[in-house]
Amino acid sequence: MGFCEQQTIKLISRNGNLICQVCNARLGISSQLAESIMVEPVSSRLKVA
């Protein structure tokens, strides 16, 4: 579905269903399904090597 470990997900909207951007694609998921997905915030700063 596009959600996997180490994947960055951006929340676009949470009106009723949730709309997330993953890998340059937008996915709409129900709030019930969203509750079963575990996420953690990442730093807004990107590390440049």
C-alpha atoms as a PDB file:
ATOM      1  CA  MET A   1       0.000   0.000   0.000  1.00  0.00           C
ATOM      2  CA  GLY A   2       3.051   2.267   0.182  1.00  0.00           C
ATOM      3  CA  PHE A   3       3.445   2.300   3.956  1.00  0.00           C
ATOM      4  CA  CYS A   4       6.548   0.475   5.141  1.00  0.00           C
ATOM      5  CA  GLU A   5       9.371   0.894   7.629  1.00  0.00           C
ATOM      6  CA  GLN A   6      11.594   3.922   7.051  1.00  0.00           C
ATOM      7  CA  GLN A   7       8.963   5.507   4.750  1.00  0.00           C
ATOM      8  CA  THR A   8       8.262   9.239   5.114  1.00  0.00           C
ATOM      9  CA  ILE A   9       4.548  10.042   5.153  1.00  0.00           C
ATOM     10  CA  LYS A  10       3.044  13.532   4.952  1.00  0.00           C
ATOM     11  CA  LEU A  11      -0.474  14.122   6.278  1.00  0.00           C
ATOM     12  CA  ILE A  12      -2.371  16.263   3.744  1.00  0.00           C
ATOM     13  CA  SER A  13      -5.893  16.266   5.231  1.00  0.00           C
ATOM     14  CA  ARG A  14      -7.793  14.714   8.111  1.00  0.00           C
ATOM     15  CA  ASN A  15     -11.379  15.718   7.265  1.00  0.00           C
ATOM     16  CA  GLY A  16     -13.250  12.428   7.752  1.00  0.00           C
ATOM     17  CA  ASN A  17     -10.869  10.125   5.941  1.00  0.00           C
ATOM     18  CA  LEU A  18      -7.143  10.826   6.008  1.00  0.00           C
ATOM     19  CA  ILE A  19      -5.218  11.801   2.900  1.00  0.00           C
ATOM     20  CA  CYS A  20      -1.488  11.074   3.054  1.00  0.00           C
ATOM     21  CA  GLN A  21       1.311  11.652   0.596  1.00  0.00           C
ATOM     22  CA  VAL A  22       3.674   8.688   0.227  1.00  0.00           C
ATOM     23  CA  CYS A  23       6.290   8.336  -2.536  1.00  0.00           C
ATOM     24  CA  ASN A  24       4.777  11.227  -4.562  1.00  0.00           C
ATOM     25  CA  ALA A  25       1.325   9.593  -4.479  1.00  0.00           C
ATOM     26  CA  ARG A  26      -1.702  10.546  -2.400  1.00  0.00           C
ATOM     27  CA  LEU A  27      -3.548   7.817  -0.533  1.00  0.00           C
ATOM     28  CA  GLY A  28      -6.939   8.131   1.135  1.00  0.00           C
ATOM     29  CA  ILE A  29      -7.480   5.846   4.128  1.00  0.00           C
ATOM     30  CA  SER A  30     -10.209   5.554   6.712  1.00  0.00           C
ATOM     31  CA  SER A  31      -9.609   6.870  10.207  1.00  0.00           C
ATOM     32  CA  GLN A  32     -10.168   3.310  11.482  1.00  0.00           C
ATOM     33  CA  LEU A  33      -7.341   1.960   9.297  1.00  0.00           C
ATOM     34  CA  ALA A  34      -5.120   4.927  10.213  1.00  0.00           C
ATOM     35  CA  GLU A  35      -5.422   4.043  13.902  1.00  0.00           C
ATOM     36  CA  SER A  36      -3.679   0.707  13.219  1.00  0.00           C
ATOM     37  CA  ILE A  37      -0.628   2.367  11.613  1.00  0.00           C
ATOM     38  CA  MET A  38       2.250   3.192  13.961  1.00  0.00           C
ATOM     39  CA  VAL A  39       4.333   6.259  13.064  1.00  0.00           C
ATOM     40  CA  GLU A  40       6.937   8.444  14.719  1.00  0.00           C
ATOM     41  CA  PRO A  41       7.824  12.040  13.918  1.00  0.00           C
ATOM     42  CA  VAL A  42      11.092  12.818  12.168  1.00  0.00           C
ATOM     43  CA  SER A  43      13.273  15.883  12.474  1.00  0.00           C
ATOM     44  CA  SER A  44      12.422  18.633  10.012  1.00  0.00           C
ATOM     45  CA  ARG A  45      16.147  19.160   9.392  1.00  0.00           C
ATOM     46  CA  LEU A  46      17.743  16.997   6.716  1.00  0.00           C
ATOM     47  CA  LYS A  47      21.294  15.806   7.197  1.00  0.00           C
ATOM     48  CA  VAL A  48      23.527  16.476   4.212  1.00  0.00           C
ATOM     49  CA  ALA A  49      26.566  14.245   3.780  1.00  0.00           C
END
